[in-house]
Amino acid sequence: MIRTVLHAAVFTACTADTSTGITASDITCPTDSTLTYASFGAAFLADNCLACHTSKERPALTTQGAVQANKASINAVAVTSSQLPQDASLAIEERKLLGEWLACGAP
């Protein structure tokens, strides 16, 4: 009985839909984008990522270069998916802004 319940819980957690509805084709860099590390990225990361991604979780996202090196992964877990942050507290508009900033190269 316990084995069945545990299996069901693990299966549900692994197959739960975490899609945000944002697709890869939705993620673009508008020519008039004003998002930069200074105006958007640093504060966004501090508010939503650095509680875990400073030393205890990898990748460490403490520098602009580290974010740029991990753009694809960040898009996959925090823009097109609600896997992160762990409390899934980001609004869709925040996820879209993150996607835009990353699509522009996280300048």
C-alpha atoms as a PDB file:
ATOM      1  CA  MET A   1       0.000   0.000   0.000  1.00  0.00           C
ATOM      2  CA  ILE A   2       2.720   2.495   0.976  1.00  0.00           C
ATOM      3  CA  ARG A   3       4.669   1.518  -2.111  1.00  0.00           C
ATOM      4  CA  THR A   4       1.653   2.250  -4.325  1.00  0.00           C
ATOM      5  CA  VAL A   5       1.068   5.654  -2.728  1.00  0.00           C
ATOM      6  CA  LEU A   6       4.744   6.564  -2.999  1.00  0.00           C
ATOM      7  CA  HIS A   7       4.863   5.461  -6.637  1.00  0.00           C
ATOM      8  CA  ALA A   8       1.758   7.535  -7.415  1.00  0.00           C
ATOM      9  CA  ALA A   9       3.212  10.604  -5.704  1.00  0.00           C
ATOM     10  CA  VAL A  10       6.528  10.324  -7.553  1.00  0.00           C
ATOM     11  CA  PHE A  11       4.809   9.692 -10.894  1.00  0.00           C
ATOM     12  CA  THR A  12       2.522  12.694 -10.440  1.00  0.00           C
ATOM     13  CA  ALA A  13       5.405  14.967  -9.473  1.00  0.00           C
ATOM     14  CA  CYS A  14       7.458  13.862 -12.464  1.00  0.00           C
ATOM     15  CA  THR A  15       4.655  14.195 -14.995  1.00  0.00           C
ATOM     16  CA  ALA A  16       2.946  17.306 -13.710  1.00  0.00           C
ATOM     17  CA  ASP A  17       2.534  19.927 -16.405  1.00  0.00           C
ATOM     18  CA  THR A  18       4.820  22.830 -15.599  1.00  0.00           C
ATOM     19  CA  SER A  19       4.353  24.661 -18.896  1.00  0.00           C
ATOM     20  CA  THR A  20       3.802  28.385 -18.598  1.00  0.00           C
ATOM     21  CA  GLY A  21       2.228  28.602 -22.033  1.00  0.00           C
ATOM     22  CA  ILE A  22       5.217  30.597 -23.253  1.00  0.00           C
ATOM     23  CA  THR A  23       6.837  28.820 -26.183  1.00  0.00           C
ATOM     24  CA  ALA A  24      10.310  29.137 -27.632  1.00  0.00           C
ATOM     25  CA  SER A  25       8.846  31.037 -30.593  1.00  0.00           C
ATOM     26  CA  ASP A  26       7.339  33.572 -28.167  1.00  0.00           C
ATOM     27  CA  ILE A  27      10.779  34.453 -26.823  1.00  0.00           C
ATOM     28  CA  THR A  28      12.225  37.236 -28.937  1.00  0.00           C
ATOM     29  CA  CYS A  29      14.379  40.302 -28.573  1.00  0.00           C
ATOM     30  CA  PRO A  30      12.438  43.359 -29.672  1.00  0.00           C
ATOM     31  CA  THR A  31      14.562  45.977 -31.400  1.00  0.00           C
ATOM     32  CA  ASP A  32      13.405  48.542 -28.845  1.00  0.00           C
ATOM     33  CA  SER A  33      14.154  46.439 -25.749  1.00  0.00           C
ATOM     34  CA  THR A  34      15.633  48.458 -22.906  1.00  0.00           C
ATOM     35  CA  LEU A  35      16.280  45.528 -20.554  1.00  0.00           C
ATOM     36  CA  THR A  36      19.867  45.331 -19.344  1.00  0.00           C
ATOM     37  CA  TYR A  37      21.662  43.657 -16.475  1.00  0.00           C
ATOM     38  CA  ALA A  38      21.647  46.982 -14.615  1.00  0.00           C
ATOM     39  CA  SER A  39      18.012  47.872 -15.322  1.00  0.00           C
ATOM     40  CA  PHE A  40      16.478  44.401 -15.032  1.00  0.00           C
ATOM     41  CA  GLY A  41      18.756  41.390 -14.633  1.00  0.00           C
ATOM     42  CA  ALA A  42      20.564  42.135 -11.378  1.00  0.00           C
ATOM     43  CA  ALA A  43      17.385  42.934  -9.440  1.00  0.00           C
ATOM     44  CA  PHE A  44      15.446  40.054 -11.009  1.00  0.00           C
ATOM     45  CA  LEU A  45      18.160  37.570 -10.076  1.00  0.00           C
ATOM     46  CA  ALA A  46      18.461  38.958  -6.544  1.00  0.00           C
ATOM     47  CA  ASP A  47      14.706  38.728  -6.016  1.00  0.00           C
ATOM     48  CA  ASN A  48      14.087  35.338  -7.612  1.00  0.00           C
ATOM     49  CA  CYS A  49      17.250  33.279  -8.063  1.00  0.00           C
ATOM     50  CA  LEU A  50      20.123  34.069  -5.759  1.00  0.00           C
ATOM     51  CA  ALA A  51      18.582  32.588  -2.618  1.00  0.00           C
ATOM     52  CA  CYS A  52      19.552  29.236  -4.139  1.00  0.00           C
ATOM     53  CA  HIS A  53      21.913  30.007  -7.012  1.00  0.00           C
ATOM     54  CA  THR A  54      24.820  31.574  -5.192  1.00  0.00           C
ATOM     55  CA  SER A  55      26.600  28.564  -3.798  1.00  0.00           C
ATOM     56  CA  LYS A  56      24.264  25.729  -2.846  1.00  0.00           C
ATOM     57  CA  GLU A  57      22.629  25.158  -6.248  1.00  0.00           C
ATOM     58  CA  ARG A  58      24.283  24.986  -9.623  1.00  0.00           C
ATOM     59  CA  PRO A  59      24.650  26.844 -11.781  1.00  0.00           C
ATOM     60  CA  ALA A  60      25.768  29.774  -9.708  1.00  0.00           C
ATOM     61  CA  LEU A  61      24.123  32.853 -11.233  1.00  0.00           C
ATOM     62  CA  THR A  62      26.081  35.514  -9.426  1.00  0.00           C
ATOM     63  CA  THR A  63      27.511  37.206 -12.518  1.00  0.00           C
ATOM     64  CA  GLN A  64      26.165  38.450 -15.809  1.00  0.00           C
ATOM     65  CA  GLY A  65      28.560  36.094 -17.596  1.00  0.00           C
ATOM     66  CA  ALA A  66      27.219  33.094 -15.682  1.00  0.00           C
ATOM     67  CA  VAL A  67      23.676  34.004 -16.693  1.00  0.00           C
ATOM     68  CA  GLN A  68      24.723  34.438 -20.328  1.00  0.00           C
ATOM     69  CA  ALA A  69      26.420  31.023 -20.269  1.00  0.00           C
ATOM     70  CA  ASN A  70      23.231  29.398 -18.950  1.00  0.00           C
ATOM     71  CA  LYS A  71      20.578  31.216 -21.015  1.00  0.00           C
ATOM     72  CA  ALA A  72      19.101  28.073 -22.574  1.00  0.00           C
ATOM     73  CA  SER A  73      18.751  26.299 -19.233  1.00  0.00           C
ATOM     74  CA  ILE A  74      17.219  29.351 -17.575  1.00  0.00           C
ATOM     75  CA  ASN A  75      14.685  29.664 -20.396  1.00  0.00           C
ATOM     76  CA  ALA A  76      13.793  25.994 -20.047  1.00  0.00           C
ATOM     77  CA  VAL A  77      13.162  26.047 -16.299  1.00  0.00           C
ATOM     78  CA  ALA A  78      11.972  29.598 -15.623  1.00  0.00           C
ATOM     79  CA  VAL A  79      10.429  30.995 -18.815  1.00  0.00           C
ATOM     80  CA  THR A  80       8.734  28.184 -20.748  1.00  0.00           C
ATOM     81  CA  SER A  81       8.346  26.146 -17.558  1.00  0.00           C
ATOM     82  CA  SER A  82       7.386  27.041 -14.014  1.00  0.00           C
ATOM     83  CA  GLN A  83       9.888  24.621 -12.472  1.00  0.00           C
ATOM     84  CA  LEU A  84      11.793  27.554 -10.993  1.00  0.00           C
ATOM     85  CA  PRO A  85      11.788  29.424  -8.787  1.00  0.00           C
ATOM     86  CA  GLN A  86      10.833  26.638  -6.422  1.00  0.00           C
ATOM     87  CA  ASP A  87       7.754  28.432  -5.134  1.00  0.00           C
ATOM     88  CA  ALA A  88       6.680  29.142  -8.757  1.00  0.00           C
ATOM     89  CA  SER A  89       5.885  32.684  -7.678  1.00  0.00           C
ATOM     90  CA  LEU A  90       6.699  34.445 -10.934  1.00  0.00           C
ATOM     91  CA  ALA A  91       3.854  35.971 -12.891  1.00  0.00           C
ATOM     92  CA  ILE A  92       3.696  35.223 -16.616  1.00  0.00           C
ATOM     93  CA  GLU A  93       4.645  38.834 -17.406  1.00  0.00           C
ATOM     94  CA  GLU A  94       7.794  38.487 -15.279  1.00  0.00           C
ATOM     95  CA  ARG A  95       8.675  35.254 -17.075  1.00  0.00           C
ATOM     96  CA  LYS A  96       8.160  37.001 -20.440  1.00  0.00           C
ATOM     97  CA  LEU A  97      10.476  39.840 -19.411  1.00  0.00           C
ATOM     98  CA  LEU A  98      13.096  37.312 -18.342  1.00  0.00           C
ATOM     99  CA  GLY A  99      12.747  35.575 -21.703  1.00  0.00           C
ATOM    100  CA  GLU A 100      13.092  38.870 -23.546  1.00  0.00           C
ATOM    101  CA  TRP A 101      16.193  39.828 -21.607  1.00  0.00           C
ATOM    102  CA  LEU A 102      17.781  36.437 -22.239  1.00  0.00           C
ATOM    103  CA  ALA A 103      16.811  36.524 -25.944  1.00  0.00           C
ATOM    104  CA  CYS A 104      18.585  39.869 -26.236  1.00  0.00           C
ATOM    105  CA  GLY A 105      21.751  38.231 -24.866  1.00  0.00           C
ATOM    106  CA  ALA A 106      21.280  39.290 -21.220  1.00  0.00           C
ATOM    107  CA  PRO A 107      23.103  42.576 -21.897  1.00  0.00           C
END
